[in-house]
Protein backbone atom coordinates (compact mmCIF):
# COMPACT_ATOMS: atom_id res chain seq x y z
CA UNK A 1 90.72 29.00 38.24
CA UNK A 2 92.57 28.54 35.04
CA UNK A 3 92.19 24.76 35.30
CA UNK A 4 88.12 25.53 35.41
CA UNK A 5 88.31 27.81 32.77
CA UNK A 6 90.07 25.31 30.27
CA UNK A 7 87.95 22.68 31.07
CA UNK A 8 84.94 25.04 30.27
CA UNK A 9 86.67 25.82 26.77
CA UNK A 10 87.35 21.91 25.89
CA UNK A 11 83.61 21.35 26.89
CA UNK A 12 82.61 24.25 24.58
CA UNK A 13 84.72 22.95 21.79
CA UNK A 14 83.40 19.45 22.06
CA UNK A 15 79.86 20.89 21.96
CA UNK A 16 80.32 23.00 19.10
CA UNK A 17 81.64 20.15 17.22
CA UNK A 18 78.82 18.09 17.86
CA UNK A 19 76.75 20.97 16.78
CA UNK A 20 78.38 21.77 13.47
CA UNK A 21 78.20 17.91 12.74
CA UNK A 22 74.53 18.16 13.29
CA UNK A 23 74.23 21.07 11.23
CA UNK A 24 75.94 19.56 8.36
CA UNK A 25 73.59 16.62 8.42
CA UNK A 26 70.71 18.99 8.56
CA UNK A 27 71.82 21.05 5.53
CA UNK A 28 72.80 17.78 3.37
CA UNK A 29 68.97 17.43 2.61
CA UNK A 30 68.64 20.95 1.72
CA UNK A 31 71.72 21.07 -0.60
CA UNK A 32 70.44 18.07 -2.45
CA UNK A 33 66.99 19.48 -2.93
CA UNK A 34 68.38 22.82 -4.38
CA UNK A 35 70.61 20.91 -6.67
CA UNK A 36 67.55 18.79 -7.84
CA UNK A 37 65.60 22.03 -8.45
CA UNK A 38 68.49 23.55 -10.26
CA UNK A 39 68.79 20.35 -12.66
CA UNK A 40 64.91 20.48 -13.24
CA UNK A 41 65.39 24.31 -14.22
CA UNK A 42 68.12 23.07 -16.75
CA UNK A 43 65.87 20.54 -18.03
CA UNK A 44 63.28 23.34 -18.71
CA UNK A 45 65.83 25.78 -20.25
CA UNK A 46 67.04 23.04 -22.70
CA UNK A 47 63.83 21.49 -23.65
CA UNK A 48 61.47 24.66 -23.73
CA UNK A 49 63.78 27.83 -23.87
CA UNK A 50 66.33 26.52 -26.25
CA UNK A 51 68.87 28.69 -23.94
CA UNK A 52 72.52 28.31 -24.58
CA UNK A 53 74.21 26.10 -21.93
CA UNK A 54 76.21 29.11 -20.43
CA UNK A 55 73.31 31.40 -20.13
CA UNK A 56 71.09 28.84 -18.51
CA UNK A 57 73.56 27.88 -15.89
CA UNK A 58 74.13 31.38 -15.04
CA UNK A 59 70.46 31.95 -14.88
CA UNK A 60 69.77 29.03 -12.62
CA UNK A 61 72.60 30.16 -10.35
CA UNK A 62 71.34 33.45 -9.94
CA UNK A 63 67.88 32.19 -8.83
CA UNK A 64 69.37 29.27 -6.70
CA UNK A 65 70.57 30.08 -3.37
CA UNK A 66 73.76 29.27 -1.33
CA UNK A 67 76.28 26.98 -2.50
CA UNK A 68 74.39 25.05 -4.83
CA UNK A 69 73.74 28.45 -6.71
CA UNK A 70 77.45 29.30 -6.80
CA UNK A 71 78.11 25.84 -8.63
CA UNK A 72 75.70 26.75 -11.48
CA UNK A 73 76.62 30.30 -11.75
CA UNK A 74 80.34 29.89 -11.81
CA UNK A 75 79.84 26.97 -14.63
CA UNK A 76 77.85 29.50 -16.43
CA UNK A 77 80.62 32.10 -16.12
CA UNK A 78 83.15 29.99 -17.23
CA UNK A 79 81.25 28.80 -20.06
CA UNK A 80 80.84 32.09 -21.29
CA UNK A 81 84.51 32.65 -21.33
CA UNK A 82 86.10 32.10 -24.76
CA UNK A 83 89.16 29.76 -23.07
CA UNK A 84 88.65 26.89 -25.72
CA UNK A 85 87.73 24.47 -22.83
CA UNK A 86 84.96 21.98 -23.15
CA UNK A 87 81.71 22.23 -21.03
CA UNK A 88 82.97 18.76 -19.41
CA UNK A 89 86.26 20.19 -18.03
CA UNK A 90 84.82 23.29 -17.13
CA UNK A 91 82.01 21.38 -15.06
CA UNK A 92 84.62 19.19 -13.13
CA UNK A 93 86.97 22.15 -12.34
CA UNK A 94 83.92 24.03 -10.91
CA UNK A 95 82.66 20.88 -8.89
CA UNK A 96 86.27 20.59 -7.55
CA UNK A 97 86.33 24.16 -6.30
CA UNK A 98 82.81 24.81 -5.49
CA UNK A 99 81.92 21.19 -3.70
CA UNK A 100 83.54 21.90 -0.50
CA UNK A 101 81.18 24.97 0.35
CA UNK A 102 78.16 22.35 0.28
CA UNK A 103 77.34 19.83 2.78
CA UNK A 104 76.81 17.08 0.16
CA UNK A 105 78.83 13.59 0.15
CA UNK A 106 81.06 12.17 -2.51
CA UNK A 107 77.89 10.12 -3.72
CA UNK A 108 76.20 13.13 -4.76
CA UNK A 109 79.52 14.45 -6.35
CA UNK A 110 79.95 11.59 -8.34
CA UNK A 111 76.20 11.79 -9.70
CA UNK A 112 76.81 15.34 -10.61
CA UNK A 113 80.27 14.64 -12.08
CA UNK A 114 78.76 11.84 -14.45
CA UNK A 115 75.95 14.36 -15.55
CA UNK A 116 78.74 16.96 -16.44
CA UNK A 117 80.66 14.44 -18.66
CA UNK A 118 77.31 14.55 -20.88
CA UNK A 119 76.52 18.25 -20.68
CA UNK A 120 76.96 19.96 -24.13
CA UNK A 121 78.03 16.87 -25.94
CA UNK A 122 75.01 15.38 -27.35
CA UNK A 123 71.48 16.42 -28.54
CA UNK A 124 68.79 18.01 -26.40
CA UNK A 125 66.68 14.75 -25.88
CA UNK A 126 69.86 12.63 -24.81
CA UNK A 127 70.86 15.46 -22.52
CA UNK A 128 67.15 15.38 -20.99
CA UNK A 129 67.70 11.66 -20.43
CA UNK A 130 70.89 12.41 -18.40
CA UNK A 131 69.36 14.93 -16.34
CA UNK A 132 66.54 12.81 -15.43
CA UNK A 133 68.75 9.96 -14.36
CA UNK A 134 70.68 12.29 -12.35
CA UNK A 135 67.64 13.83 -10.86
CA UNK A 136 66.11 10.38 -10.07
CA UNK A 137 69.74 9.24 -8.23
CA UNK A 138 69.53 12.46 -6.44
CA UNK A 139 66.09 11.88 -5.07
CA UNK A 140 67.43 8.56 -3.75
CA UNK A 141 70.28 10.31 -2.32
CA UNK A 142 68.00 12.84 -0.72
CA UNK A 143 65.92 10.01 1.00
CA UNK A 144 68.98 8.54 2.36
CA UNK A 145 70.11 12.07 3.58
CA UNK A 146 66.75 12.67 5.35
CA UNK A 147 67.13 9.12 7.19
CA UNK A 148 70.59 9.77 8.26
CA UNK A 149 69.48 13.44 9.63
CA UNK A 150 66.67 11.76 11.66
CA UNK A 151 68.95 8.87 12.83
CA UNK A 152 71.94 10.69 13.71
CA UNK A 153 71.41 14.56 14.36
CA UNK A 154 70.69 14.23 17.93
CA UNK A 155 73.23 11.56 18.65
CA UNK A 156 75.88 14.09 17.19
CA UNK A 157 74.75 16.96 19.25
CA UNK A 158 74.91 14.77 22.58
CA UNK A 159 78.07 13.15 21.58
CA UNK A 160 79.70 16.38 21.20
CA UNK A 161 78.91 17.47 24.88
CA UNK A 162 80.00 13.83 26.13
CA UNK A 163 83.65 13.68 23.96
CA UNK A 164 84.14 17.25 25.71
CA UNK A 165 83.13 15.81 29.20
CA UNK A 166 85.60 12.85 28.69
CA UNK A 167 88.24 14.83 27.53
CA UNK A 168 87.96 17.01 30.68
CA UNK A 169 87.63 14.04 32.83
CA UNK A 170 90.92 12.18 31.49
CA UNK A 171 92.68 15.43 31.83
CA UNK A 172 92.03 15.95 35.62
């Protein structure tokens, strides 16, 4: 009886692992799209609103859902604190802290980190150019993420069950 219970737990763990990986694949395009929308809002705030960077980031964070909104909100909050740190340092710190809460990969992180190096340093037109470049690169990553989701989501679900079953078979 105990062996059967252990086998069921192993099978359940394998299945849950596969479903978790599939969930990560399905969240990635959503998080990238939220990031793109946030950067587009930031562009609008910079061009038309003449809003200070800290207020713009905080406002975007409040309007954006989930972990992507938390990135913007925390960056805006830390920028408004009089700590004497540059926008680049704050952006890198926030990305380092908050990125693990998203389902995005290192390629998206690199794009966002490169963008952070130019935030607050140059004039409005140059920042808009960098924002548009980052948005364009993220749109390419979003297409790749959708392709990977279509290709691998079902595979991970099946692989989790099969992996659990393989471990049970090997153990007995």
